[in-house]
Amino acid sequence: MGSEGPKSVTIHVTGFKKFHGVAQNPTETAVSNLKYYVEKKGLPAGVTLGSCTVLETAGEGGLPTLLKVIEASSASNSSNNGQVIWLHLGVNSGATKFAIERLAVNEATFRCADELGWQPQRVPIVPEDGGINQIRKTCCPTESILELLKKKGFDVTLSDDAGRFVCNYVYYHSLRFAEEKGHKCLFVHVPTFHRVHQEKQMEFVAALLEAIASTC
């Protein structure tokens, strides 16, 4: 029996564009710059950064794009037996620290219209799943990820409330797709750049990729 060597992990990352009240979304900047940043910094053996996509901050109207991106990445990984993980990044404009979201709720109640003008109220995201109290949980080991990030000095917490806006909407659908495809999925909220500057956020996302790869 020889060593199995490093496991193969491909992590696909999404962020969001601007939306009402947030003229500069830090996740758009982070995701747009991530490939270049990772090329300079490097990732552990066996870990690949897959697609990096910036999504429109929209629920129902943005869903076809999310589906297309997930299907494309699934097809590109079809010949690879390694683990596929979806990491979604969103901004919480009132937050002062990073938050690892453990679950999504089957409810769309948008406090304002999304960027395509949709503003649902108490609507099930996936009606066939049941009512608006249904939840889906990530199968990623959030506490282990949290501890690794804390050891690196990041101010991060666990959360059981991803809101009811587009972040939660995308997370719920992605958790559902991940379950169907045998993938894993995680959503992480970040503060604005006014709270945590850009370089620190890039360092956080790179550390997050390593933490996910080593635990999921």
N, C-alpha and C. Protein backbone atom coordinates (compact mmCIF):
# COMPACT_ATOMS: atom_id res chain seq x y z
N MET A 1 0.85 -1.20 0.00
CA MET A 1 0.00 0.00 0.00
C MET A 1 0.88 1.25 0.00
N GLY A 2 0.81 2.02 -1.05
CA GLY A 2 1.59 3.26 -1.12
C GLY A 2 0.75 4.44 -0.69
N SER A 3 1.39 5.58 -0.64
CA SER A 3 0.68 6.80 -0.29
C SER A 3 -0.30 7.17 -1.40
N GLU A 4 -1.47 7.63 -1.00
CA GLU A 4 -2.46 8.03 -2.00
C GLU A 4 -2.11 9.37 -2.62
N GLY A 5 -1.26 10.14 -1.97
CA GLY A 5 -0.91 11.45 -2.49
C GLY A 5 -2.02 12.45 -2.20
N PRO A 6 -1.82 13.69 -2.60
CA PRO A 6 -2.82 14.72 -2.33
C PRO A 6 -4.12 14.45 -3.10
N LYS A 7 -5.24 14.71 -2.48
CA LYS A 7 -6.51 14.51 -3.15
C LYS A 7 -6.73 15.61 -4.18
N SER A 8 -7.54 15.31 -5.18
CA SER A 8 -7.83 16.27 -6.23
C SER A 8 -9.09 17.04 -5.88
N VAL A 9 -8.97 18.34 -5.79
CA VAL A 9 -10.10 19.20 -5.45
C VAL A 9 -10.15 20.36 -6.43
N THR A 10 -11.30 20.58 -7.04
CA THR A 10 -11.51 21.74 -7.91
C THR A 10 -12.55 22.64 -7.27
N ILE A 11 -12.20 23.90 -7.07
CA ILE A 11 -13.11 24.85 -6.42
C ILE A 11 -13.51 25.92 -7.43
N HIS A 12 -14.81 26.02 -7.67
CA HIS A 12 -15.37 27.05 -8.54
C HIS A 12 -15.91 28.17 -7.66
N VAL A 13 -15.69 29.40 -8.06
CA VAL A 13 -16.02 30.54 -7.21
C VAL A 13 -16.93 31.52 -7.95
N THR A 14 -17.93 32.03 -7.24
CA THR A 14 -18.75 33.10 -7.80
C THR A 14 -18.80 34.28 -6.83
N GLY A 15 -19.02 35.46 -7.40
CA GLY A 15 -19.30 36.66 -6.63
C GLY A 15 -20.47 37.38 -7.29
N PHE A 16 -20.76 38.58 -6.82
CA PHE A 16 -21.89 39.35 -7.36
C PHE A 16 -21.46 40.74 -7.80
N LYS A 17 -22.24 41.28 -8.74
CA LYS A 17 -22.06 42.67 -9.15
C LYS A 17 -22.72 43.60 -8.13
N LYS A 18 -22.74 44.86 -8.44
CA LYS A 18 -23.35 45.86 -7.57
C LYS A 18 -24.84 45.60 -7.42
N PHE A 19 -25.44 46.19 -6.39
CA PHE A 19 -26.89 46.15 -6.23
C PHE A 19 -27.30 47.35 -5.37
N HIS A 20 -28.58 47.47 -5.14
CA HIS A 20 -29.12 48.64 -4.43
C HIS A 20 -28.42 48.85 -3.09
N GLY A 21 -27.80 50.01 -2.94
CA GLY A 21 -27.13 50.34 -1.69
C GLY A 21 -25.67 49.94 -1.64
N VAL A 22 -25.22 49.14 -2.61
CA VAL A 22 -23.82 48.70 -2.65
C VAL A 22 -23.28 48.98 -4.06
N ALA A 23 -22.66 50.14 -4.22
CA ALA A 23 -22.17 50.56 -5.53
C ALA A 23 -20.94 49.77 -5.95
N GLN A 24 -20.12 49.37 -4.98
CA GLN A 24 -18.94 48.55 -5.26
C GLN A 24 -19.03 47.28 -4.44
N ASN A 25 -19.26 46.18 -5.13
CA ASN A 25 -19.37 44.89 -4.44
C ASN A 25 -17.97 44.28 -4.33
N PRO A 26 -17.45 44.08 -3.12
CA PRO A 26 -16.10 43.53 -2.97
C PRO A 26 -15.94 42.14 -3.56
N THR A 27 -17.05 41.40 -3.66
CA THR A 27 -16.93 40.05 -4.20
C THR A 27 -16.69 40.07 -5.71
N GLU A 28 -17.18 41.11 -6.39
CA GLU A 28 -16.88 41.25 -7.82
C GLU A 28 -15.39 41.48 -8.02
N THR A 29 -14.81 42.34 -7.20
CA THR A 29 -13.37 42.62 -7.29
C THR A 29 -12.56 41.38 -6.95
N ALA A 30 -12.94 40.71 -5.86
CA ALA A 30 -12.19 39.54 -5.42
C ALA A 30 -12.21 38.42 -6.46
N VAL A 31 -13.39 38.12 -6.97
CA VAL A 31 -13.52 37.02 -7.93
C VAL A 31 -12.84 37.37 -9.25
N SER A 32 -12.93 38.64 -9.67
CA SER A 32 -12.30 39.06 -10.93
C SER A 32 -10.79 38.96 -10.85
N ASN A 33 -10.23 39.17 -9.67
CA ASN A 33 -8.77 39.17 -9.51
C ASN A 33 -8.21 37.85 -8.98
N LEU A 34 -9.09 36.90 -8.70
CA LEU A 34 -8.66 35.71 -7.96
C LEU A 34 -7.67 34.84 -8.71
N LYS A 35 -7.91 34.61 -10.00
CA LYS A 35 -7.00 33.73 -10.76
C LYS A 35 -5.59 34.30 -10.76
N TYR A 36 -5.47 35.59 -11.00
CA TYR A 36 -4.15 36.23 -11.01
C TYR A 36 -3.51 36.16 -9.63
N TYR A 37 -4.31 36.40 -8.60
CA TYR A 37 -3.80 36.38 -7.23
C TYR A 37 -3.30 34.99 -6.86
N VAL A 38 -4.06 33.98 -7.22
CA VAL A 38 -3.70 32.60 -6.89
C VAL A 38 -2.47 32.14 -7.68
N GLU A 39 -2.36 32.60 -8.92
CA GLU A 39 -1.19 32.26 -9.73
C GLU A 39 0.09 32.77 -9.06
N LYS A 40 0.01 33.96 -8.47
CA LYS A 40 1.18 34.52 -7.78
C LYS A 40 1.45 33.80 -6.47
N LYS A 41 0.38 33.51 -5.73
CA LYS A 41 0.53 32.94 -4.40
C LYS A 41 0.70 31.43 -4.42
N GLY A 42 -0.01 30.78 -5.34
CA GLY A 42 0.04 29.33 -5.41
C GLY A 42 -1.01 28.68 -4.51
N LEU A 43 -1.36 27.47 -4.84
CA LEU A 43 -2.31 26.67 -4.05
C LEU A 43 -1.65 25.34 -3.69
N PRO A 44 -2.14 24.68 -2.64
CA PRO A 44 -1.57 23.38 -2.27
C PRO A 44 -1.70 22.36 -3.41
N ALA A 45 -0.84 21.36 -3.39
CA ALA A 45 -0.86 20.31 -4.41
C ALA A 45 -2.24 19.65 -4.45
N GLY A 46 -2.72 19.41 -5.64
CA GLY A 46 -4.00 18.74 -5.81
C GLY A 46 -5.20 19.67 -5.84
N VAL A 47 -4.97 20.96 -5.57
CA VAL A 47 -6.07 21.92 -5.53
C VAL A 47 -6.05 22.78 -6.79
N THR A 48 -7.19 22.83 -7.47
CA THR A 48 -7.31 23.62 -8.69
C THR A 48 -8.40 24.67 -8.52
N LEU A 49 -8.08 25.90 -8.89
CA LEU A 49 -9.11 26.93 -8.95
C LEU A 49 -9.80 26.82 -10.29
N GLY A 50 -11.08 26.51 -10.25
CA GLY A 50 -11.84 26.34 -11.48
C GLY A 50 -12.36 27.66 -12.02
N SER A 51 -13.62 27.71 -12.39
CA SER A 51 -14.20 28.92 -12.95
C SER A 51 -14.36 30.00 -11.88
N CYS A 52 -14.21 31.24 -12.31
CA CYS A 52 -14.44 32.40 -11.44
C CYS A 52 -15.47 33.27 -12.15
N THR A 53 -16.66 33.36 -11.61
CA THR A 53 -17.78 34.00 -12.29
C THR A 53 -18.41 35.07 -11.43
N VAL A 54 -18.66 36.22 -12.02
CA VAL A 54 -19.37 37.30 -11.33
C VAL A 54 -20.81 37.30 -11.83
N LEU A 55 -21.73 37.07 -10.92
CA LEU A 55 -23.14 36.96 -11.25
C LEU A 55 -23.86 38.30 -11.11
N GLU A 56 -24.90 38.49 -11.91
CA GLU A 56 -25.80 39.61 -11.71
C GLU A 56 -26.47 39.41 -10.35
N THR A 57 -26.67 40.49 -9.61
CA THR A 57 -27.35 40.37 -8.31
C THR A 57 -28.84 40.27 -8.56
N ALA A 58 -29.26 39.08 -8.96
CA ALA A 58 -30.65 38.84 -9.33
C ALA A 58 -31.03 37.42 -8.96
N GLY A 59 -32.29 37.24 -8.58
CA GLY A 59 -32.78 35.94 -8.18
C GLY A 59 -33.26 35.13 -9.37
N GLU A 60 -34.56 35.14 -9.59
CA GLU A 60 -35.17 34.34 -10.64
C GLU A 60 -34.56 34.64 -12.01
N GLY A 61 -34.35 35.92 -12.32
CA GLY A 61 -33.81 36.31 -13.62
C GLY A 61 -32.36 35.91 -13.80
N GLY A 62 -31.63 35.75 -12.70
CA GLY A 62 -30.24 35.37 -12.79
C GLY A 62 -30.01 33.88 -12.72
N LEU A 63 -31.06 33.12 -12.44
CA LEU A 63 -30.93 31.67 -12.26
C LEU A 63 -30.40 30.94 -13.51
N PRO A 64 -30.88 31.28 -14.72
CA PRO A 64 -30.35 30.59 -15.90
C PRO A 64 -28.83 30.70 -16.04
N THR A 65 -28.26 31.87 -15.68
CA THR A 65 -26.82 32.05 -15.76
C THR A 65 -26.11 31.15 -14.75
N LEU A 66 -26.64 31.10 -13.53
CA LEU A 66 -26.07 30.23 -12.50
C LEU A 66 -26.09 28.77 -12.96
N LEU A 67 -27.22 28.34 -13.51
CA LEU A 67 -27.36 26.96 -14.00
C LEU A 67 -26.35 26.67 -15.11
N LYS A 68 -26.21 27.63 -16.02
CA LYS A 68 -25.29 27.46 -17.14
C LYS A 68 -23.85 27.31 -16.66
N VAL A 69 -23.48 28.13 -15.69
CA VAL A 69 -22.12 28.09 -15.15
C VAL A 69 -21.86 26.77 -14.44
N ILE A 70 -22.84 26.32 -13.65
CA ILE A 70 -22.68 25.05 -12.92
C ILE A 70 -22.62 23.88 -13.89
N GLU A 71 -23.47 23.89 -14.89
CA GLU A 71 -23.47 22.79 -15.87
C GLU A 71 -22.14 22.75 -16.63
N ALA A 72 -21.63 23.91 -17.01
CA ALA A 72 -20.37 23.97 -17.76
C ALA A 72 -19.22 23.44 -16.92
N SER A 73 -19.19 23.83 -15.65
CA SER A 73 -18.10 23.37 -14.78
C SER A 73 -18.23 21.88 -14.49
N SER A 74 -19.47 21.40 -14.39
CA SER A 74 -19.69 19.97 -14.16
C SER A 74 -19.19 19.16 -15.34
N ALA A 75 -19.46 19.66 -16.55
CA ALA A 75 -19.02 18.96 -17.75
C ALA A 75 -17.50 18.93 -17.84
N SER A 76 -16.86 20.04 -17.46
CA SER A 76 -15.40 20.11 -17.54
C SER A 76 -14.74 19.21 -16.51
N ASN A 77 -15.47 18.85 -15.46
CA ASN A 77 -14.91 17.99 -14.42
C ASN A 77 -15.38 16.54 -14.54
N SER A 78 -16.11 16.24 -15.61
CA SER A 78 -16.71 14.91 -15.73
C SER A 78 -15.67 13.79 -15.81
N SER A 79 -14.50 14.11 -16.36
CA SER A 79 -13.46 13.07 -16.47
C SER A 79 -12.54 13.04 -15.25
N ASN A 80 -12.80 13.93 -14.30
CA ASN A 80 -11.96 14.02 -13.10
C ASN A 80 -12.74 13.44 -11.92
N ASN A 81 -12.15 12.47 -11.26
CA ASN A 81 -12.85 11.83 -10.14
C ASN A 81 -12.70 12.59 -8.82
N GLY A 82 -12.04 13.71 -8.87
CA GLY A 82 -11.83 14.48 -7.65
C GLY A 82 -13.08 15.20 -7.18
N GLN A 83 -12.97 15.81 -6.01
CA GLN A 83 -14.08 16.54 -5.41
C GLN A 83 -14.29 17.88 -6.10
N VAL A 84 -15.54 18.21 -6.37
CA VAL A 84 -15.90 19.51 -6.94
C VAL A 84 -16.63 20.31 -5.87
N ILE A 85 -16.17 21.53 -5.64
CA ILE A 85 -16.76 22.37 -4.59
C ILE A 85 -17.12 23.72 -5.18
N TRP A 86 -18.32 24.18 -4.85
CA TRP A 86 -18.79 25.50 -5.25
C TRP A 86 -18.66 26.44 -4.07
N LEU A 87 -17.93 27.54 -4.26
CA LEU A 87 -17.80 28.57 -3.24
C LEU A 87 -18.46 29.85 -3.75
N HIS A 88 -19.48 30.29 -3.05
CA HIS A 88 -20.17 31.53 -3.41
C HIS A 88 -19.81 32.62 -2.39
N LEU A 89 -19.45 33.78 -2.90
CA LEU A 89 -19.12 34.91 -2.04
C LEU A 89 -20.16 36.01 -2.23
N GLY A 90 -20.61 36.57 -1.12
CA GLY A 90 -21.55 37.68 -1.17
C GLY A 90 -21.17 38.70 -0.11
N VAL A 91 -21.66 39.92 -0.27
CA VAL A 91 -21.32 40.97 0.69
C VAL A 91 -22.47 41.22 1.66
N ASN A 92 -22.12 41.42 2.91
CA ASN A 92 -23.06 41.89 3.92
C ASN A 92 -22.59 43.29 4.30
N SER A 93 -23.30 44.31 3.82
CA SER A 93 -22.81 45.68 3.96
C SER A 93 -22.77 46.16 5.41
N GLY A 94 -23.47 45.45 6.31
CA GLY A 94 -23.45 45.85 7.71
C GLY A 94 -22.48 45.06 8.56
N ALA A 95 -21.76 44.12 7.95
CA ALA A 95 -20.89 43.22 8.71
C ALA A 95 -19.51 43.83 8.95
N THR A 96 -18.90 43.41 10.03
CA THR A 96 -17.52 43.83 10.33
C THR A 96 -16.55 42.66 10.24
N LYS A 97 -17.09 41.45 10.04
CA LYS A 97 -16.25 40.26 9.95
C LYS A 97 -16.79 39.34 8.87
N PHE A 98 -15.98 38.33 8.52
CA PHE A 98 -16.40 37.33 7.54
C PHE A 98 -17.35 36.33 8.21
N ALA A 99 -18.29 35.80 7.44
CA ALA A 99 -19.27 34.86 7.99
C ALA A 99 -19.44 33.65 7.08
N ILE A 100 -19.20 32.47 7.64
CA ILE A 100 -19.41 31.21 6.92
C ILE A 100 -20.86 30.79 7.13
N GLU A 101 -21.62 30.71 6.04
CA GLU A 101 -23.04 30.40 6.14
C GLU A 101 -23.26 28.88 6.12
N ARG A 102 -23.92 28.40 7.17
CA ARG A 102 -24.12 26.95 7.29
C ARG A 102 -25.35 26.44 6.56
N LEU A 103 -26.28 27.33 6.24
CA LEU A 103 -27.53 26.86 5.63
C LEU A 103 -28.19 27.95 4.80
N ALA A 104 -29.14 27.52 3.98
CA ALA A 104 -30.00 28.43 3.22
C ALA A 104 -31.45 28.04 3.47
N VAL A 105 -32.33 29.01 3.41
CA VAL A 105 -33.75 28.80 3.68
C VAL A 105 -34.54 28.94 2.39
N ASN A 106 -35.58 28.13 2.25
CA ASN A 106 -36.40 28.10 1.04
C ASN A 106 -37.38 29.28 0.98
N GLU A 107 -36.86 30.47 1.20
CA GLU A 107 -37.72 31.65 1.20
C GLU A 107 -37.05 32.81 0.49
N ALA A 108 -37.78 33.42 -0.44
CA ALA A 108 -37.32 34.65 -1.09
C ALA A 108 -38.23 35.79 -0.62
N THR A 109 -37.66 36.67 0.18
CA THR A 109 -38.34 37.88 0.61
C THR A 109 -37.33 39.01 0.45
N PHE A 110 -37.38 39.68 -0.69
CA PHE A 110 -36.37 40.68 -1.02
C PHE A 110 -36.75 42.03 -0.42
N ARG A 111 -35.85 42.62 0.35
CA ARG A 111 -36.11 43.92 0.98
C ARG A 111 -36.18 45.04 -0.05
N CYS A 112 -35.57 44.81 -1.21
CA CYS A 112 -35.65 45.74 -2.33
C CYS A 112 -35.63 44.90 -3.60
N ALA A 113 -35.99 45.51 -4.70
CA ALA A 113 -35.96 44.78 -5.97
C ALA A 113 -34.53 44.41 -6.32
N ASP A 114 -34.36 43.23 -6.92
CA ASP A 114 -33.02 42.85 -7.38
C ASP A 114 -32.67 43.66 -8.62
N GLU A 115 -31.50 43.42 -9.20
CA GLU A 115 -31.03 44.23 -10.31
C GLU A 115 -31.82 44.02 -11.60
N LEU A 116 -32.69 43.04 -11.63
CA LEU A 116 -33.57 42.83 -12.79
C LEU A 116 -35.01 43.18 -12.45
N GLY A 117 -35.22 43.82 -11.28
CA GLY A 117 -36.53 44.35 -10.93
C GLY A 117 -37.48 43.40 -10.22
N TRP A 118 -36.97 42.23 -9.77
CA TRP A 118 -37.83 41.24 -9.10
C TRP A 118 -37.79 41.47 -7.60
N GLN A 119 -38.95 41.47 -6.96
CA GLN A 119 -39.01 41.66 -5.51
C GLN A 119 -40.07 40.74 -4.90
N PRO A 120 -39.75 39.46 -4.76
CA PRO A 120 -40.70 38.51 -4.18
C PRO A 120 -40.87 38.74 -2.68
N GLN A 121 -42.01 38.32 -2.16
CA GLN A 121 -42.29 38.40 -0.73
C GLN A 121 -42.83 37.06 -0.25
N ARG A 122 -42.09 36.41 0.65
CA ARG A 122 -42.47 35.14 1.25
C ARG A 122 -42.84 34.08 0.20
N VAL A 123 -41.97 33.96 -0.78
CA VAL A 123 -42.16 33.01 -1.88
C VAL A 123 -41.18 31.85 -1.70
N PRO A 124 -41.65 30.59 -1.83
CA PRO A 124 -40.71 29.47 -1.78
C PRO A 124 -39.75 29.54 -2.97
N ILE A 125 -38.47 29.38 -2.72
CA ILE A 125 -37.48 29.40 -3.80
C ILE A 125 -37.66 28.20 -4.71
N VAL A 126 -37.86 27.03 -4.12
CA VAL A 126 -38.15 25.81 -4.88
C VAL A 126 -39.45 25.23 -4.31
N PRO A 127 -40.59 25.53 -4.93
CA PRO A 127 -41.89 25.10 -4.39
C PRO A 127 -41.98 23.60 -4.11
N GLU A 128 -41.35 22.78 -4.96
CA GLU A 128 -41.46 21.34 -4.77
C GLU A 128 -40.72 20.85 -3.52
N ASP A 129 -39.87 21.69 -2.96
CA ASP A 129 -39.19 21.34 -1.72
C ASP A 129 -40.09 21.49 -0.50
N GLY A 130 -41.20 22.21 -0.67
CA GLY A 130 -42.09 22.47 0.45
C GLY A 130 -42.21 23.95 0.73
N GLY A 131 -42.53 24.30 1.97
CA GLY A 131 -42.78 25.68 2.34
C GLY A 131 -41.54 26.50 2.57
N ILE A 132 -41.76 27.74 3.02
CA ILE A 132 -40.66 28.68 3.18
C ILE A 132 -39.81 28.41 4.42
N ASN A 133 -40.21 27.45 5.24
CA ASN A 133 -39.40 27.11 6.42
C ASN A 133 -38.40 25.98 6.15
N GLN A 134 -38.46 25.40 4.96
CA GLN A 134 -37.52 24.34 4.61
C GLN A 134 -36.10 24.89 4.52
N ILE A 135 -35.13 24.11 4.93
CA ILE A 135 -33.74 24.55 4.85
C ILE A 135 -32.89 23.49 4.16
N ARG A 136 -31.77 23.94 3.64
CA ARG A 136 -30.74 23.04 3.12
C ARG A 136 -29.42 23.43 3.78
N LYS A 137 -28.67 22.44 4.25
CA LYS A 137 -27.42 22.70 4.93
C LYS A 137 -26.24 22.28 4.08
N THR A 138 -25.15 23.01 4.21
CA THR A 138 -23.93 22.61 3.54
C THR A 138 -23.36 21.37 4.20
N CYS A 139 -22.71 20.52 3.41
CA CYS A 139 -22.06 19.34 3.98
C CYS A 139 -20.57 19.62 4.21
N CYS A 140 -20.12 20.83 3.93
CA CYS A 140 -18.74 21.19 4.24
C CYS A 140 -18.58 21.34 5.76
N PRO A 141 -17.46 20.93 6.31
CA PRO A 141 -17.24 21.00 7.77
C PRO A 141 -16.93 22.44 8.20
N THR A 142 -17.97 23.20 8.42
CA THR A 142 -17.83 24.64 8.66
C THR A 142 -16.99 24.96 9.90
N GLU A 143 -17.12 24.16 10.95
CA GLU A 143 -16.35 24.45 12.17
C GLU A 143 -14.86 24.25 11.94
N SER A 144 -14.50 23.24 11.17
CA SER A 144 -13.08 23.00 10.86
C SER A 144 -12.53 24.13 9.99
N ILE A 145 -13.32 24.57 9.03
CA ILE A 145 -12.90 25.69 8.18
C ILE A 145 -12.72 26.94 9.02
N LEU A 146 -13.67 27.17 9.92
CA LEU A 146 -13.60 28.32 10.81
C LEU A 146 -12.30 28.33 11.62
N GLU A 147 -11.97 27.20 12.20
CA GLU A 147 -10.79 27.13 13.05
C GLU A 147 -9.50 27.38 12.27
N LEU A 148 -9.44 26.83 11.05
CA LEU A 148 -8.25 27.05 10.22
C LEU A 148 -8.08 28.53 9.89
N LEU A 149 -9.19 29.19 9.59
CA LEU A 149 -9.13 30.62 9.25
C LEU A 149 -8.79 31.47 10.47
N LYS A 150 -9.33 31.09 11.62
CA LYS A 150 -9.01 31.83 12.84
C LYS A 150 -7.53 31.71 13.20
N LYS A 151 -6.98 30.52 12.96
CA LYS A 151 -5.55 30.31 13.25
C LYS A 151 -4.67 31.20 12.39
N LYS A 152 -5.19 31.59 11.24
CA LYS A 152 -4.44 32.48 10.35
C LYS A 152 -4.72 33.95 10.65
N GLY A 153 -5.51 34.19 11.70
CA GLY A 153 -5.72 35.56 12.15
C GLY A 153 -6.90 36.30 11.57
N PHE A 154 -7.79 35.59 10.88
CA PHE A 154 -8.94 36.26 10.29
C PHE A 154 -10.11 36.34 11.28
N ASP A 155 -10.82 37.45 11.24
CA ASP A 155 -11.99 37.66 12.09
C ASP A 155 -13.19 37.07 11.37
N VAL A 156 -13.55 35.87 11.75
CA VAL A 156 -14.58 35.12 11.02
C VAL A 156 -15.49 34.41 12.00
N THR A 157 -16.74 34.21 11.59
CA THR A 157 -17.73 33.57 12.45
C THR A 157 -18.59 32.61 11.63
N LEU A 158 -19.38 31.81 12.32
CA LEU A 158 -20.37 30.94 11.67
C LEU A 158 -21.73 31.63 11.71
N SER A 159 -22.54 31.40 10.70
CA SER A 159 -23.85 32.03 10.63
C SER A 159 -24.90 31.02 10.16
N ASP A 160 -26.09 31.14 10.72
CA ASP A 160 -27.23 30.33 10.29
C ASP A 160 -28.30 31.19 9.63
N ASP A 161 -27.91 32.37 9.18
CA ASP A 161 -28.87 33.29 8.54
C ASP A 161 -28.19 34.02 7.39
N ALA A 162 -28.41 33.52 6.19
CA ALA A 162 -27.84 34.14 4.99
C ALA A 162 -28.76 35.21 4.43
N GLY A 163 -29.76 35.61 5.22
CA GLY A 163 -30.74 36.59 4.76
C GLY A 163 -31.82 35.93 3.94
N ARG A 164 -32.60 36.74 3.26
CA ARG A 164 -33.65 36.21 2.37
C ARG A 164 -33.57 36.86 1.00
N PHE A 165 -32.40 37.48 0.73
CA PHE A 165 -32.21 38.19 -0.53
C PHE A 165 -31.50 37.28 -1.54
N VAL A 166 -30.81 37.83 -2.48
CA VAL A 166 -30.22 37.06 -3.58
C VAL A 166 -29.17 36.07 -3.09
N CYS A 167 -28.39 36.43 -2.08
CA CYS A 167 -27.37 35.51 -1.57
C CYS A 167 -27.99 34.19 -1.13
N ASN A 168 -29.02 34.28 -0.32
CA ASN A 168 -29.72 33.09 0.15
C ASN A 168 -30.36 32.34 -1.02
N TYR A 169 -30.91 33.08 -1.97
CA TYR A 169 -31.56 32.49 -3.14
C TYR A 169 -30.57 31.64 -3.93
N VAL A 170 -29.42 32.21 -4.23
CA VAL A 170 -28.38 31.48 -4.98
C VAL A 170 -27.86 30.28 -4.17
N TYR A 171 -27.65 30.50 -2.88
CA TYR A 171 -27.13 29.42 -2.02
C TYR A 171 -28.09 28.24 -1.99
N TYR A 172 -29.37 28.52 -1.86
CA TYR A 172 -30.35 27.43 -1.78
C TYR A 172 -30.32 26.60 -3.08
N HIS A 173 -30.36 27.29 -4.21
CA HIS A 173 -30.33 26.56 -5.48
C HIS A 173 -29.02 25.79 -5.63
N SER A 174 -27.91 26.41 -5.27
CA SER A 174 -26.62 25.75 -5.45
C SER A 174 -26.48 24.52 -4.55
N LEU A 175 -26.98 24.60 -3.33
CA LEU A 175 -26.97 23.44 -2.44
C LEU A 175 -27.78 22.29 -3.05
N ARG A 176 -28.87 22.65 -3.67
CA ARG A 176 -29.73 21.65 -4.31
C ARG A 176 -29.01 21.00 -5.51
N PHE A 177 -28.38 21.85 -6.33
CA PHE A 177 -27.63 21.32 -7.48
C PHE A 177 -26.47 20.46 -7.01
N ALA A 178 -25.78 20.92 -5.98
CA ALA A 178 -24.62 20.18 -5.47
C ALA A 178 -25.02 18.79 -5.01
N GLU A 179 -26.15 18.71 -4.33
CA GLU A 179 -26.64 17.41 -3.86
C GLU A 179 -26.94 16.50 -5.04
N GLU A 180 -27.56 17.05 -6.08
CA GLU A 180 -27.91 16.25 -7.26
C GLU A 180 -26.68 15.73 -7.98
N LYS A 181 -25.61 16.54 -8.00
CA LYS A 181 -24.44 16.21 -8.79
C LYS A 181 -23.30 15.55 -7.98
N GLY A 182 -23.52 15.42 -6.67
CA GLY A 182 -22.47 14.86 -5.83
C GLY A 182 -21.34 15.83 -5.55
N HIS A 183 -21.64 17.13 -5.68
CA HIS A 183 -20.66 18.17 -5.39
C HIS A 183 -20.88 18.69 -3.97
N LYS A 184 -20.05 19.65 -3.57
CA LYS A 184 -20.24 20.33 -2.29
C LYS A 184 -20.36 21.83 -2.55
N CYS A 185 -20.94 22.52 -1.58
CA CYS A 185 -21.23 23.93 -1.80
C CYS A 185 -21.12 24.69 -0.48
N LEU A 186 -20.60 25.92 -0.56
CA LEU A 186 -20.47 26.76 0.63
C LEU A 186 -20.66 28.22 0.23
N PHE A 187 -21.31 28.97 1.11
CA PHE A 187 -21.49 30.41 0.90
C PHE A 187 -20.81 31.15 2.05
N VAL A 188 -20.08 32.20 1.69
CA VAL A 188 -19.40 33.01 2.69
C VAL A 188 -19.70 34.49 2.44
N HIS A 189 -20.13 35.17 3.48
CA HIS A 189 -20.37 36.61 3.40
C HIS A 189 -19.11 37.37 3.82
N VAL A 190 -18.83 38.44 3.10
CA VAL A 190 -17.68 39.29 3.42
C VAL A 190 -18.18 40.70 3.72
N PRO A 191 -17.40 41.50 4.45
CA PRO A 191 -17.76 42.90 4.68
C PRO A 191 -17.43 43.74 3.44
N THR A 192 -17.77 45.01 3.48
CA THR A 192 -17.37 45.93 2.41
C THR A 192 -15.89 46.26 2.57
N PHE A 193 -15.32 46.88 1.53
CA PHE A 193 -13.92 47.29 1.60
C PHE A 193 -13.71 48.41 2.61
N HIS A 194 -14.78 49.12 2.95
CA HIS A 194 -14.67 50.17 3.97
C HIS A 194 -14.39 49.55 5.34
N ARG A 195 -14.86 48.33 5.54
CA ARG A 195 -14.66 47.62 6.81
C ARG A 195 -13.36 46.81 6.82
N VAL A 196 -13.14 46.08 5.74
CA VAL A 196 -11.92 45.25 5.60
C VAL A 196 -11.34 45.53 4.22
N HIS A 197 -10.11 46.03 4.17
CA HIS A 197 -9.57 46.50 2.90
C HIS A 197 -9.33 45.36 1.91
N GLN A 198 -9.16 45.74 0.65
CA GLN A 198 -9.12 44.78 -0.45
C GLN A 198 -8.03 43.73 -0.30
N GLU A 199 -6.82 44.13 0.04
CA GLU A 199 -5.72 43.16 0.14
C GLU A 199 -6.01 42.10 1.20
N LYS A 200 -6.57 42.54 2.33
CA LYS A 200 -6.92 41.60 3.40
C LYS A 200 -8.00 40.63 2.93
N GLN A 201 -8.94 41.13 2.15
CA GLN A 201 -10.00 40.26 1.65
C GLN A 201 -9.45 39.24 0.64
N MET A 202 -8.50 39.65 -0.18
CA MET A 202 -7.89 38.71 -1.11
C MET A 202 -7.13 37.63 -0.33
N GLU A 203 -6.42 38.04 0.71
CA GLU A 203 -5.71 37.07 1.55
C GLU A 203 -6.71 36.10 2.18
N PHE A 204 -7.86 36.61 2.60
CA PHE A 204 -8.88 35.76 3.21
C PHE A 204 -9.41 34.73 2.22
N VAL A 205 -9.74 35.17 1.02
CA VAL A 205 -10.30 34.24 0.03
C VAL A 205 -9.29 33.15 -0.32
N ALA A 206 -8.02 33.52 -0.46
CA ALA A 206 -6.99 32.51 -0.74
C ALA A 206 -6.88 31.52 0.41
N ALA A 207 -6.92 32.02 1.64
CA ALA A 207 -6.87 31.13 2.81
C ALA A 207 -8.12 30.26 2.89
N LEU A 208 -9.25 30.83 2.49
CA LEU A 208 -10.51 30.09 2.47
C LEU A 208 -10.45 28.92 1.49
N LEU A 209 -9.88 29.16 0.31
CA LEU A 209 -9.73 28.08 -0.66
C LEU A 209 -8.91 26.93 -0.07
N GLU A 210 -7.81 27.26 0.59
CA GLU A 210 -6.97 26.23 1.20
C GLU A 210 -7.70 25.48 2.31
N ALA A 211 -8.46 26.23 3.13
CA ALA A 211 -9.20 25.60 4.23
C ALA A 211 -10.28 24.66 3.70
N ILE A 212 -10.97 25.09 2.66
CA ILE A 212 -12.01 24.24 2.07
C ILE A 212 -11.39 22.99 1.47
N ALA A 213 -10.31 23.17 0.74
CA ALA A 213 -9.67 22.03 0.08
C ALA A 213 -9.15 20.99 1.08
N SER A 214 -8.68 21.45 2.21
CA SER A 214 -8.09 20.53 3.17
C SER A 214 -9.12 19.86 4.10
N THR A 215 -10.36 20.34 4.07
CA THR A 215 -11.36 19.79 4.99
C THR A 215 -12.57 19.16 4.31
N CYS A 216 -12.94 19.66 3.14
CA CYS A 216 -14.17 19.17 2.49
C CYS A 216 -13.94 17.84 1.77
